[in-house]
Amino acid sequence: MMLNWKYYSSMEITKRIAIDTAIEEEIVKKVIHHSLDSLLRSSRNSESMEITGFGTFYLKKKRIPYYINNFEIKIEKLKVHLNTLFDKYAIEKLSKQIEHYENVLNEIKRKYEVE
């Protein structure tokens, strides 16, 4: 059964794919998030991104402050969580994730000339 993607939230799409494919919802969610994150990372130098079969997506410049704020909040939450960890491997992994988000945030600020 094909979904009319225009009218579903990401949570509904995730649930629908999980049901249709008999794959656990959490796994479907991780795959979708990883795929979108990879696409976003690969499209950093572009104002738009085309996904065959889905369409072309454009970054709205008026939304840049919103994206920046979300990155800053996410980074702060991860730093708070980092201080609660004891496992060396988990600390190292989360530290790398924080560094990645800080690099993305700095790149967005530099590209759109935001302080």
PDB file of N, CA and C in Angstrom:
ATOM      1  N   MET A   1       0.835  -1.170   0.000  1.00  0.00           N
ATOM      2  CA  MET A   1       0.000   0.000   0.000  1.00  0.00           C
ATOM      3  C   MET A   1       0.890   1.247   0.000  1.00  0.00           C
ATOM      4  N   MET A   2       0.626   2.172  -0.902  1.00  0.00           N
ATOM      5  CA  MET A   2       1.412   3.406  -0.993  1.00  0.00           C
ATOM      6  C   MET A   2       0.812   4.470  -0.092  1.00  0.00           C
ATOM      7  N   LEU A   3       1.676   5.223   0.550  1.00  0.00           N
ATOM      8  CA  LEU A   3       1.241   6.334   1.394  1.00  0.00           C
ATOM      9  C   LEU A   3       1.180   7.610   0.582  1.00  0.00           C
ATOM     10  N   ASN A   4       0.247   8.462   0.916  1.00  0.00           N
ATOM     11  CA  ASN A   4       0.247   9.811   0.372  1.00  0.00           C
ATOM     12  C   ASN A   4       1.069  10.637   1.358  1.00  0.00           C
ATOM     13  N   TRP A   5       2.389  10.719   1.146  1.00  0.00           N
ATOM     14  CA  TRP A   5       3.348  11.295   2.085  1.00  0.00           C
ATOM     15  C   TRP A   5       3.002  12.704   2.513  1.00  0.00           C
ATOM     16  N   LYS A   6       2.309  13.430   1.674  1.00  0.00           N
ATOM     17  CA  LYS A   6       2.009  14.825   1.947  1.00  0.00           C
ATOM     18  C   LYS A   6       1.166  14.995   3.212  1.00  0.00           C
ATOM     19  N   TYR A   7       0.412  13.985   3.573  1.00  0.00           N
ATOM     20  CA  TYR A   7      -0.545  14.135   4.664  1.00  0.00           C
ATOM     21  C   TYR A   7      -0.208  13.353   5.924  1.00  0.00           C
ATOM     22  N   TYR A   8       0.989  12.835   6.049  1.00  0.00           N
ATOM     23  CA  TYR A   8       1.374  12.053   7.217  1.00  0.00           C
ATOM     24  C   TYR A   8       2.520  12.710   7.971  1.00  0.00           C
ATOM     25  N   SER A   9       2.476  12.623   9.301  1.00  0.00           N
ATOM     26  CA  SER A   9       3.604  13.090  10.108  1.00  0.00           C
ATOM     27  C   SER A   9       4.691  12.023  10.073  1.00  0.00           C
ATOM     28  N   SER A  10       5.884  12.379  10.526  1.00  0.00           N
ATOM     29  CA  SER A  10       6.976  11.400  10.523  1.00  0.00           C
ATOM     30  C   SER A  10       6.649  10.214  11.430  1.00  0.00           C
ATOM     31  N   MET A  11       5.950  10.469  12.541  1.00  0.00           N
ATOM     32  CA  MET A  11       5.580   9.389  13.441  1.00  0.00           C
ATOM     33  C   MET A  11       4.593   8.434  12.762  1.00  0.00           C
ATOM     34  N   GLU A  12       3.632   8.994  12.023  1.00  0.00           N
ATOM     35  CA  GLU A  12       2.670   8.153  11.314  1.00  0.00           C
ATOM     36  C   GLU A  12       3.352   7.347  10.213  1.00  0.00           C
ATOM     37  N   ILE A  13       4.270   7.987   9.506  1.00  0.00           N
ATOM     38  CA  ILE A  13       5.004   7.286   8.446  1.00  0.00           C
ATOM     39  C   ILE A  13       5.814   6.141   9.040  1.00  0.00           C
ATOM     40  N   THR A  14       6.484   6.411  10.149  1.00  0.00           N
ATOM     41  CA  THR A  14       7.282   5.385  10.825  1.00  0.00           C
ATOM     42  C   THR A  14       6.410   4.200  11.224  1.00  0.00           C
ATOM     43  N   LYS A  15       5.270   4.480  11.839  1.00  0.00           N
ATOM     44  CA  LYS A  15       4.370   3.405  12.254  1.00  0.00           C
ATOM     45  C   LYS A  15       3.858   2.616  11.059  1.00  0.00           C
ATOM     46  N   ARG A  16       3.501   3.333  10.010  1.00  0.00           N
ATOM     47  CA  ARG A  16       2.953   2.681   8.821  1.00  0.00           C
ATOM     48  C   ARG A  16       3.990   1.769   8.163  1.00  0.00           C
ATOM     49  N   ILE A  17       5.229   2.250   8.052  1.00  0.00           N
ATOM     50  CA  ILE A  17       6.300   1.439   7.459  1.00  0.00           C
ATOM     51  C   ILE A  17       6.562   0.208   8.326  1.00  0.00           C
ATOM     52  N   ALA A  18       6.580   0.411   9.649  1.00  0.00           N
ATOM     53  CA  ALA A  18       6.817  -0.706  10.568  1.00  0.00           C
ATOM     54  C   ALA A  18       5.746  -1.780  10.403  1.00  0.00           C
ATOM     55  N   ILE A  19       4.512  -1.357  10.284  1.00  0.00           N
ATOM     56  CA  ILE A  19       3.417  -2.321  10.111  1.00  0.00           C
ATOM     57  C   ILE A  19       3.516  -3.013   8.763  1.00  0.00           C
ATOM     58  N   ASP A  20       3.713  -2.225   7.703  1.00  0.00           N
ATOM     59  CA  ASP A  20       3.740  -2.776   6.344  1.00  0.00           C
ATOM     60  C   ASP A  20       4.924  -3.711   6.103  1.00  0.00           C
ATOM     61  N   THR A  21       6.039  -3.470   6.797  1.00  0.00           N
ATOM     62  CA  THR A  21       7.243  -4.275   6.556  1.00  0.00           C
ATOM     63  C   THR A  21       7.518  -5.295   7.658  1.00  0.00           C
ATOM     64  N   ALA A  22       6.729  -5.247   8.733  1.00  0.00           N
ATOM     65  CA  ALA A  22       6.924  -6.133   9.892  1.00  0.00           C
ATOM     66  C   ALA A  22       8.303  -5.947  10.518  1.00  0.00           C
ATOM     67  N   ILE A  23       8.772  -4.702  10.492  1.00  0.00           N
ATOM     68  CA  ILE A  23      10.046  -4.346  11.133  1.00  0.00           C
ATOM     69  C   ILE A  23       9.708  -3.503  12.360  1.00  0.00           C
ATOM     70  N   GLU A  24      10.469  -3.704  13.440  1.00  0.00           N
ATOM     71  CA  GLU A  24      10.207  -2.962  14.667  1.00  0.00           C
ATOM     72  C   GLU A  24      10.219  -1.460  14.411  1.00  0.00           C
ATOM     73  N   GLU A  25       9.282  -0.774  15.045  1.00  0.00           N
ATOM     74  CA  GLU A  25       9.123   0.668  14.846  1.00  0.00           C
ATOM     75  C   GLU A  25      10.398   1.442  15.196  1.00  0.00           C
ATOM     76  N   GLU A  26      11.078   1.048  16.242  1.00  0.00           N
ATOM     77  CA  GLU A  26      12.298   1.748  16.663  1.00  0.00           C
ATOM     78  C   GLU A  26      13.386   1.620  15.602  1.00  0.00           C
ATOM     79  N   ILE A  27      13.474   0.485  14.955  1.00  0.00           N
ATOM     80  CA  ILE A  27      14.465   0.274  13.890  1.00  0.00           C
ATOM     81  C   ILE A  27      14.118   1.136  12.683  1.00  0.00           C
ATOM     82  N   VAL A  28      12.833   1.163  12.315  1.00  0.00           N
ATOM     83  CA  VAL A  28      12.395   2.001  11.194  1.00  0.00           C
ATOM     84  C   VAL A  28      12.719   3.465  11.486  1.00  0.00           C
ATOM     85  N   LYS A  29      12.442   3.886  12.706  1.00  0.00           N
ATOM     86  CA  LYS A  29      12.714   5.278  13.112  1.00  0.00           C
ATOM     87  C   LYS A  29      14.201   5.605  12.980  1.00  0.00           C
ATOM     88  N   LYS A  30      15.063   4.687  13.435  1.00  0.00           N
ATOM     89  CA  LYS A  30      16.508   4.908  13.348  1.00  0.00           C
ATOM     90  C   LYS A  30      16.972   4.996  11.900  1.00  0.00           C
ATOM     91  N   VAL A  31      16.425   4.131  11.045  1.00  0.00           N
ATOM     92  CA  VAL A  31      16.803   4.137   9.627  1.00  0.00           C
ATOM     93  C   VAL A  31      16.386   5.457   8.979  1.00  0.00           C
ATOM     94  N   ILE A  32      15.165   5.892   9.247  1.00  0.00           N
ATOM     95  CA  ILE A  32      14.678   7.152   8.673  1.00  0.00           C
ATOM     96  C   ILE A  32      15.528   8.319   9.156  1.00  0.00           C
ATOM     97  N   HIS A  33      15.776   8.391  10.455  1.00  0.00           N
ATOM     98  CA  HIS A  33      16.577   9.492  10.999  1.00  0.00           C
ATOM     99  C   HIS A  33      17.998   9.482  10.457  1.00  0.00           C
ATOM    100  N   HIS A  34      18.594   8.295  10.369  1.00  0.00           N
ATOM    101  CA  HIS A  34      19.956   8.191   9.843  1.00  0.00           C
ATOM    102  C   HIS A  34      19.996   8.620   8.374  1.00  0.00           C
ATOM    103  N   SER A  35      19.000   8.182   7.611  1.00  0.00           N
ATOM    104  CA  SER A  35      18.944   8.534   6.183  1.00  0.00           C
ATOM    105  C   SER A  35      18.809  10.036   5.999  1.00  0.00           C
ATOM    106  N   LEU A  36      17.901  10.642   6.744  1.00  0.00           N
ATOM    107  CA  LEU A  36      17.703  12.089   6.618  1.00  0.00           C
ATOM    108  C   LEU A  36      18.922  12.862   7.097  1.00  0.00           C
ATOM    109  N   ASP A  37      19.535  12.394   8.179  1.00  0.00           N
ATOM    110  CA  ASP A  37      20.743  13.058   8.679  1.00  0.00           C
ATOM    111  C   ASP A  37      21.853  12.985   7.642  1.00  0.00           C
ATOM    112  N   SER A  38      22.009  11.833   7.001  1.00  0.00           N
ATOM    113  CA  SER A  38      23.022  11.679   5.947  1.00  0.00           C
ATOM    114  C   SER A  38      22.744  12.606   4.780  1.00  0.00           C
ATOM    115  N   LEU A  39      21.489  12.708   4.391  1.00  0.00           N
ATOM    116  CA  LEU A  39      21.120  13.612   3.298  1.00  0.00           C
ATOM    117  C   LEU A  39      21.407  15.055   3.651  1.00  0.00           C
ATOM    118  N   LEU A  40      21.083  15.433   4.872  1.00  0.00           N
ATOM    119  CA  LEU A  40      21.329  16.814   5.300  1.00  0.00           C
ATOM    120  C   LEU A  40      22.823  17.125   5.334  1.00  0.00           C
ATOM    121  N   ARG A  41      23.616  16.165   5.828  1.00  0.00           N
ATOM    122  CA  ARG A  41      25.056  16.384   5.863  1.00  0.00           C
ATOM    123  C   ARG A  41      25.630  16.515   4.464  1.00  0.00           C
ATOM    124  N   SER A  42      25.095  15.753   3.519  1.00  0.00           N
ATOM    125  CA  SER A  42      25.624  15.797   2.158  1.00  0.00           C
ATOM    126  C   SER A  42      25.153  17.026   1.391  1.00  0.00           C
ATOM    127  N   SER A  43      24.136  17.695   1.899  1.00  0.00           N
ATOM    128  CA  SER A  43      23.594  18.848   1.174  1.00  0.00           C
ATOM    129  C   SER A  43      23.945  20.182   1.822  1.00  0.00           C
ATOM    130  N   ARG A  44      24.924  20.207   2.693  1.00  0.00           N
ATOM    131  CA  ARG A  44      25.269  21.436   3.424  1.00  0.00           C
ATOM    132  C   ARG A  44      25.638  22.597   2.517  1.00  0.00           C
ATOM    133  N   ASN A  45      26.199  22.318   1.369  1.00  0.00           N
ATOM    134  CA  ASN A  45      26.642  23.395   0.480  1.00  0.00           C
ATOM    135  C   ASN A  45      25.561  23.794  -0.512  1.00  0.00           C
ATOM    136  N   SER A  46      24.355  23.352  -0.289  1.00  0.00           N
ATOM    137  CA  SER A  46      23.288  23.595  -1.244  1.00  0.00           C
ATOM    138  C   SER A  46      22.075  24.196  -0.551  1.00  0.00           C
ATOM    139  N   GLU A  47      21.302  24.959  -1.289  1.00  0.00           N
ATOM    140  CA  GLU A  47      20.075  25.547  -0.768  1.00  0.00           C
ATOM    141  C   GLU A  47      18.908  24.575  -0.911  1.00  0.00           C
ATOM    142  N   SER A  48      19.090  23.524  -1.719  1.00  0.00           N
ATOM    143  CA  SER A  48      18.005  22.573  -1.937  1.00  0.00           C
ATOM    144  C   SER A  48      18.563  21.156  -1.971  1.00  0.00           C
ATOM    145  N   MET A  49      17.638  20.210  -1.868  1.00  0.00           N
ATOM    146  CA  MET A  49      18.028  18.822  -1.877  1.00  0.00           C
ATOM    147  C   MET A  49      16.932  18.052  -2.619  1.00  0.00           C
ATOM    148  N   GLU A  50      17.317  17.221  -3.565  1.00  0.00           N
ATOM    149  CA  GLU A  50      16.337  16.433  -4.314  1.00  0.00           C
ATOM    150  C   GLU A  50      16.473  14.964  -3.939  1.00  0.00           C
ATOM    151  N   ILE A  51      15.344  14.359  -3.594  1.00  0.00           N
ATOM    152  CA  ILE A  51      15.300  12.934  -3.292  1.00  0.00           C
ATOM    153  C   ILE A  51      14.387  12.313  -4.341  1.00  0.00           C
ATOM    154  N   THR A  52      14.959  11.496  -5.197  1.00  0.00           N
ATOM    155  CA  THR A  52      14.193  10.885  -6.283  1.00  0.00           C
ATOM    156  C   THR A  52      12.997  10.135  -5.712  1.00  0.00           C
ATOM    157  N   GLY A  53      11.853  10.415  -6.260  1.00  0.00           N
ATOM    158  CA  GLY A  53      10.622   9.765  -5.814  1.00  0.00           C
ATOM    159  C   GLY A  53       9.921  10.491  -4.680  1.00  0.00           C
ATOM    160  N   PHE A  54      10.608  11.471  -4.069  1.00  0.00           N
ATOM    161  CA  PHE A  54      10.014  12.237  -2.971  1.00  0.00           C
ATOM    162  C   PHE A  54       9.834  13.702  -3.335  1.00  0.00           C
ATOM    163  N   GLY A  55      10.774  14.253  -4.068  1.00  0.00           N
ATOM    164  CA  GLY A  55      10.669  15.651  -4.455  1.00  0.00           C
ATOM    165  C   GLY A  55      11.905  16.442  -4.107  1.00  0.00           C
ATOM    166  N   THR A  56      11.808  17.752  -4.307  1.00  0.00           N
ATOM    167  CA  THR A  56      12.897  18.666  -4.006  1.00  0.00           C
ATOM    168  C   THR A  56      12.519  19.474  -2.772  1.00  0.00           C
ATOM    169  N   PHE A  57      13.463  19.614  -1.862  1.00  0.00           N
ATOM    170  CA  PHE A  57      13.234  20.327  -0.604  1.00  0.00           C
ATOM    171  C   PHE A  57      14.159  21.534  -0.556  1.00  0.00           C
ATOM    172  N   TYR A  58      13.626  22.666  -0.108  1.00  0.00           N
ATOM    173  CA  TYR A  58      14.377  23.905  -0.051  1.00  0.00           C
ATOM    174  C   TYR A  58      14.499  24.388   1.388  1.00  0.00           C
ATOM    175  N   LEU A  59      15.664  24.903   1.726  1.00  0.00           N
ATOM    176  CA  LEU A  59      15.896  25.479   3.038  1.00  0.00           C
ATOM    177  C   LEU A  59      15.388  26.911   3.039  1.00  0.00           C
ATOM    178  N   LYS A  60      14.494  27.212   3.954  1.00  0.00           N
ATOM    179  CA  LYS A  60      13.962  28.562   4.058  1.00  0.00           C
ATOM    180  C   LYS A  60      14.884  29.379   4.952  1.00  0.00           C
ATOM    181  N   LYS A  61      15.432  30.455   4.401  1.00  0.00           N
ATOM    182  CA  LYS A  61      16.399  31.249   5.155  1.00  0.00           C
ATOM    183  C   LYS A  61      15.793  31.857   6.417  1.00  0.00           C
ATOM    184  N   LYS A  62      14.483  32.118   6.394  1.00  0.00           N
ATOM    185  CA  LYS A  62      13.857  32.695   7.581  1.00  0.00           C
ATOM    186  C   LYS A  62      13.827  31.692   8.739  1.00  0.00           C
ATOM    187  N   ARG A  63      14.038  30.397   8.442  1.00  0.00           N
ATOM    188  CA  ARG A  63      14.034  29.360   9.474  1.00  0.00           C
ATOM    189  C   ARG A  63      15.418  29.137  10.100  1.00  0.00           C
ATOM    190  N   ILE A  64      16.444  29.788   9.567  1.00  0.00           N
ATOM    191  CA  ILE A  64      17.813  29.592  10.072  1.00  0.00           C
ATOM    192  C   ILE A  64      17.911  29.841  11.584  1.00  0.00           C
ATOM    193  N   PRO A  65      17.358  30.943  12.114  1.00  0.00           N
ATOM    194  CA  PRO A  65      17.442  31.134  13.577  1.00  0.00           C
ATOM    195  C   PRO A  65      16.804  29.985  14.362  1.00  0.00           C
ATOM    196  N   TYR A  66      15.738  29.428  13.841  1.00  0.00           N
ATOM    197  CA  TYR A  66      15.081  28.281  14.476  1.00  0.00           C
ATOM    198  C   TYR A  66      16.020  27.078  14.495  1.00  0.00           C
ATOM    199  N   TYR A  67      16.666  26.783  13.357  1.00  0.00           N
ATOM    200  CA  TYR A  67      17.598  25.661  13.280  1.00  0.00           C
ATOM    201  C   TYR A  67      18.776  25.859  14.234  1.00  0.00           C
ATOM    202  N   ILE A  68      19.291  27.069  14.264  1.00  0.00           N
ATOM    203  CA  ILE A  68      20.420  27.371  15.146  1.00  0.00           C
ATOM    204  C   ILE A  68      20.019  27.161  16.598  1.00  0.00           C
ATOM    205  N   ASN A  69      18.856  27.666  16.970  1.00  0.00           N
ATOM    206  CA  ASN A  69      18.370  27.508  18.338  1.00  0.00           C
ATOM    207  C   ASN A  69      18.206  26.030  18.688  1.00  0.00           C
ATOM    208  N   ASN A  70      17.663  25.245  17.771  1.00  0.00           N
ATOM    209  CA  ASN A  70      17.501  23.808  18.025  1.00  0.00           C
ATOM    210  C   ASN A  70      18.839  23.113  18.224  1.00  0.00           C
ATOM    211  N   PHE A  71      19.835  23.464  17.414  1.00  0.00           N
ATOM    212  CA  PHE A  71      21.171  22.874  17.575  1.00  0.00           C
ATOM    213  C   PHE A  71      21.762  23.253  18.933  1.00  0.00           C
ATOM    214  N   GLU A  72      21.611  24.515  19.314  1.00  0.00           N
ATOM    215  CA  GLU A  72      22.163  24.964  20.593  1.00  0.00           C
ATOM    216  C   GLU A  72      21.509  24.242  21.762  1.00  0.00           C
ATOM    217  N   ILE A  73      20.193  24.074  21.703  1.00  0.00           N
ATOM    218  CA  ILE A  73      19.471  23.354  22.762  1.00  0.00           C
ATOM    219  C   ILE A  73      19.917  21.898  22.809  1.00  0.00           C
ATOM    220  N   LYS A  74      20.022  21.284  21.635  1.00  0.00           N
ATOM    221  CA  LYS A  74      20.434  19.874  21.570  1.00  0.00           C
ATOM    222  C   LYS A  74      21.836  19.691  22.146  1.00  0.00           C
ATOM    223  N   ILE A  75      22.739  20.583  21.796  1.00  0.00           N
ATOM    224  CA  ILE A  75      24.113  20.506  22.299  1.00  0.00           C
ATOM    225  C   ILE A  75      24.138  20.641  23.815  1.00  0.00           C
ATOM    226  N   GLU A  76      23.382  21.593  24.347  1.00  0.00           N
ATOM    227  CA  GLU A  76      23.354  21.789  25.802  1.00  0.00           C
ATOM    228  C   GLU A  76      22.785  20.564  26.528  1.00  0.00           C
ATOM    229  N   LYS A  77      21.729  19.973  25.973  1.00  0.00           N
ATOM    230  CA  LYS A  77      21.156  18.770  26.583  1.00  0.00           C
ATOM    231  C   LYS A  77      22.152  17.620  26.562  1.00  0.00           C
ATOM    232  N   LEU A  78      22.872  17.482  25.462  1.00  0.00           N
ATOM    233  CA  LEU A  78      23.870  16.414  25.372  1.00  0.00           C
ATOM    234  C   LEU A  78      25.011  16.634  26.363  1.00  0.00           C
ATOM    235  N   LYS A  79      25.416  17.890  26.552  1.00  0.00           N
ATOM    236  CA  LYS A  79      26.483  18.191  27.522  1.00  0.00           C
ATOM    237  C   LYS A  79      26.043  17.874  28.947  1.00  0.00           C
ATOM    238  N   VAL A  80      24.779  18.172  29.261  1.00  0.00           N
ATOM    239  CA  VAL A  80      24.249  17.833  30.592  1.00  0.00           C
ATOM    240  C   VAL A  80      24.251  16.316  30.761  1.00  0.00           C
ATOM    241  N   HIS A  81      23.803  15.607  29.735  1.00  0.00           N
ATOM    242  CA  HIS A  81      23.780  14.140  29.793  1.00  0.00           C
ATOM    243  C   HIS A  81      25.197  13.567  29.909  1.00  0.00           C
ATOM    244  N   LEU A  82      26.135  14.192  29.226  1.00  0.00           N
ATOM    245  CA  LEU A  82      27.527  13.741  29.267  1.00  0.00           C
ATOM    246  C   LEU A  82      28.058  13.710  30.692  1.00  0.00           C
ATOM    247  N   ASN A  83      27.654  14.701  31.481  1.00  0.00           N
ATOM    248  CA  ASN A  83      28.124  14.784  32.873  1.00  0.00           C
ATOM    249  C   ASN A  83      27.554  13.695  33.773  1.00  0.00           C
ATOM    250  N   THR A  84      26.540  12.968  33.288  1.00  0.00           N
ATOM    251  CA  THR A  84      25.943  11.900  34.096  1.00  0.00           C
ATOM    252  C   THR A  84      26.520  10.521  33.761  1.00  0.00           C
ATOM    253  N   LEU A  85      27.344  10.461  32.721  1.00  0.00           N
ATOM    254  CA  LEU A  85      27.864   9.171  32.266  1.00  0.00           C
ATOM    255  C   LEU A  85      29.116   8.756  33.026  1.00  0.00           C
ATOM    256  N   PHE A  86      29.289   7.432  33.151  1.00  0.00           N
ATOM    257  CA  PHE A  86      30.462   6.882  33.813  1.00  0.00           C
ATOM    258  C   PHE A  86      31.270   5.984  32.875  1.00  0.00           C
ATOM    259  N   ASP A  87      30.593   5.386  31.911  1.00  0.00           N
ATOM    260  CA  ASP A  87      31.237   4.468  30.991  1.00  0.00           C
ATOM    261  C   ASP A  87      32.124   5.240  30.009  1.00  0.00           C
ATOM    262  N   LYS A  88      33.394   4.854  29.947  1.00  0.00           N
ATOM    263  CA  LYS A  88      34.376   5.552  29.108  1.00  0.00           C
ATOM    264  C   LYS A  88      33.961   5.555  27.633  1.00  0.00           C
ATOM    265  N   TYR A  89      33.462   4.418  27.151  1.00  0.00           N
ATOM    266  CA  TYR A  89      33.050   4.307  25.752  1.00  0.00           C
ATOM    267  C   TYR A  89      31.871   5.234  25.462  1.00  0.00           C
ATOM    268  N   ALA A  90      30.902   5.264  26.373  1.00  0.00           N
ATOM    269  CA  ALA A  90      29.721   6.119  26.193  1.00  0.00           C
ATOM    270  C   ALA A  90      30.113   7.595  26.218  1.00  0.00           C
ATOM    271  N   ILE A  91      31.040   7.952  27.093  1.00  0.00           N
ATOM    272  CA  ILE A  91      31.515   9.337  27.183  1.00  0.00           C
ATOM    273  C   ILE A  91      32.199   9.743  25.883  1.00  0.00           C
ATOM    274  N   GLU A  92      33.048   8.862  25.373  1.00  0.00           N
ATOM    275  CA  GLU A  92      33.765   9.150  24.129  1.00  0.00           C
ATOM    276  C   GLU A  92      32.794   9.288  22.954  1.00  0.00           C
ATOM    277  N   LYS A  93      31.826   8.388  22.880  1.00  0.00           N
ATOM    278  CA  LYS A  93      30.850   8.411  21.789  1.00  0.00           C
ATOM    279  C   LYS A  93      30.007   9.681  21.844  1.00  0.00           C
ATOM    280  N   LEU A  94      29.525  10.045  23.018  1.00  0.00           N
ATOM    281  CA  LEU A  94      28.705  11.243  23.164  1.00  0.00           C
ATOM    282  C   LEU A  94      29.533  12.502  22.922  1.00  0.00           C
ATOM    283  N   SER A  95      30.789  12.502  23.352  1.00  0.00           N
ATOM    284  CA  SER A  95      31.668  13.653  23.099  1.00  0.00           C
ATOM    285  C   SER A  95      31.848  13.885  21.601  1.00  0.00           C
ATOM    286  N   LYS A  96      31.993  12.804  20.843  1.00  0.00           N
ATOM    287  CA  LYS A  96      32.118  12.920  19.380  1.00  0.00           C
ATOM    288  C   LYS A  96      30.836  13.445  18.764  1.00  0.00           C
ATOM    289  N   GLN A  97      29.702  13.010  19.284  1.00  0.00           N
ATOM    290  CA  GLN A  97      28.415  13.488  18.780  1.00  0.00           C
ATOM    291  C   GLN A  97      28.247  14.986  19.063  1.00  0.00           C
ATOM    292  N   ILE A  98      28.636  15.413  20.254  1.00  0.00           N
ATOM    293  CA  ILE A  98      28.567  16.834  20.607  1.00  0.00           C
ATOM    294  C   ILE A  98      29.472  17.640  19.683  1.00  0.00           C
ATOM    295  N   GLU A  99      30.671  17.143  19.464  1.00  0.00           N
ATOM    296  CA  GLU A  99      31.610  17.826  18.570  1.00  0.00           C
ATOM    297  C   GLU A  99      31.032  17.941  17.156  1.00  0.00           C
ATOM    298  N   HIS A 100      30.396  16.875  16.689  1.00  0.00           N
ATOM    299  CA  HIS A 100      29.764  16.885  15.364  1.00  0.00           C
ATOM    300  C   HIS A 100      28.698  17.976  15.294  1.00  0.00           C
ATOM    301  N   TYR A 101      27.815  18.025  16.289  1.00  0.00           N
ATOM    302  CA  TYR A 101      26.755  19.035  16.294  1.00  0.00           C
ATOM    303  C   TYR A 101      27.330  20.450  16.388  1.00  0.00           C
ATOM    304  N   GLU A 102      28.386  20.629  17.158  1.00  0.00           N
ATOM    305  CA  GLU A 102      29.014  21.951  17.249  1.00  0.00           C
ATOM    306  C   GLU A 102      29.605  22.354  15.898  1.00  0.00           C
ATOM    307  N   ASN A 103      30.206  21.404  15.192  1.00  0.00           N
ATOM    308  CA  ASN A 103      30.751  21.696  13.860  1.00  0.00           C
ATOM    309  C   ASN A 103      29.640  22.066  12.874  1.00  0.00           C
ATOM    310  N   VAL A 104      28.539  21.324  12.918  1.00  0.00           N
ATOM    311  CA  VAL A 104      27.396  21.626  12.038  1.00  0.00           C
ATOM    312  C   VAL A 104      26.850  23.012  12.368  1.00  0.00           C
ATOM    313  N   LEU A 105      26.688  23.307  13.646  1.00  0.00           N
ATOM    314  CA  LEU A 105      26.187  24.609  14.073  1.00  0.00           C
ATOM    315  C   LEU A 105      27.097  25.729  13.591  1.00  0.00           C
ATOM    316  N   ASN A 106      28.401  25.575  13.767  1.00  0.00           N
ATOM    317  CA  ASN A 106      29.349  26.599  13.315  1.00  0.00           C
ATOM    318  C   ASN A 106      29.318  26.771  11.802  1.00  0.00           C
ATOM    319  N   GLU A 107      29.149  25.661  11.098  1.00  0.00           N
ATOM    320  CA  GLU A 107      29.080  25.719   9.639  1.00  0.00           C
ATOM    321  C   GLU A 107      27.827  26.479   9.179  1.00  0.00           C
ATOM    322  N   ILE A 108      26.700  26.220   9.836  1.00  0.00           N
ATOM    323  CA  ILE A 108      25.463  26.934   9.503  1.00  0.00           C
ATOM    324  C   ILE A 108      25.624  28.424   9.785  1.00  0.00           C
ATOM    325  N   LYS A 109      26.185  28.748  10.943  1.00  0.00           N
ATOM    326  CA  LYS A 109      26.388  30.158  11.298  1.00  0.00           C
ATOM    327  C   LYS A 109      27.310  30.850  10.303  1.00  0.00           C
ATOM    328  N   ARG A 110      28.374  30.160   9.914  1.00  0.00           N
ATOM    329  CA  ARG A 110      29.326  30.736   8.956  1.00  0.00           C
ATOM    330  C   ARG A 110      28.668  30.920   7.591  1.00  0.00           C
ATOM    331  N   LYS A 111      27.947  29.899   7.140  1.00  0.00           N
ATOM    332  CA  LYS A 111      27.332  29.953   5.805  1.00  0.00           C
ATOM    333  C   LYS A 111      26.297  31.059   5.707  1.00  0.00           C
ATOM    334  N   TYR A 112      25.517  31.250   6.760  1.00  0.00           N
ATOM    335  CA  TYR A 112      24.447  32.246   6.708  1.00  0.00           C
ATOM    336  C   TYR A 112      24.810  33.526   7.466  1.00  0.00           C
ATOM    337  N   GLU A 113      26.101  33.649   7.815  1.00  0.00           N
ATOM    338  CA  GLU A 113      26.631  34.861   8.449  1.00  0.00           C
ATOM    339  C   GLU A 113      25.814  35.261   9.677  1.00  0.00           C
ATOM    340  N   VAL A 114      25.650  34.297  10.589  1.00  0.00           N
ATOM    341  CA  VAL A 114      24.922  34.517  11.828  1.00  0.00           C
ATOM    342  C   VAL A 114      25.910  34.417  12.977  1.00  0.00           C
ATOM    343  N   GLU A 115      25.782  35.289  13.938  1.00  0.00           N
ATOM    344  CA  GLU A 115      26.665  35.249  15.132  1.00  0.00           C
ATOM    345  C   GLU A 115      26.031  34.452  16.231  1.00  0.00           C
TER     346      GLU A 115
END
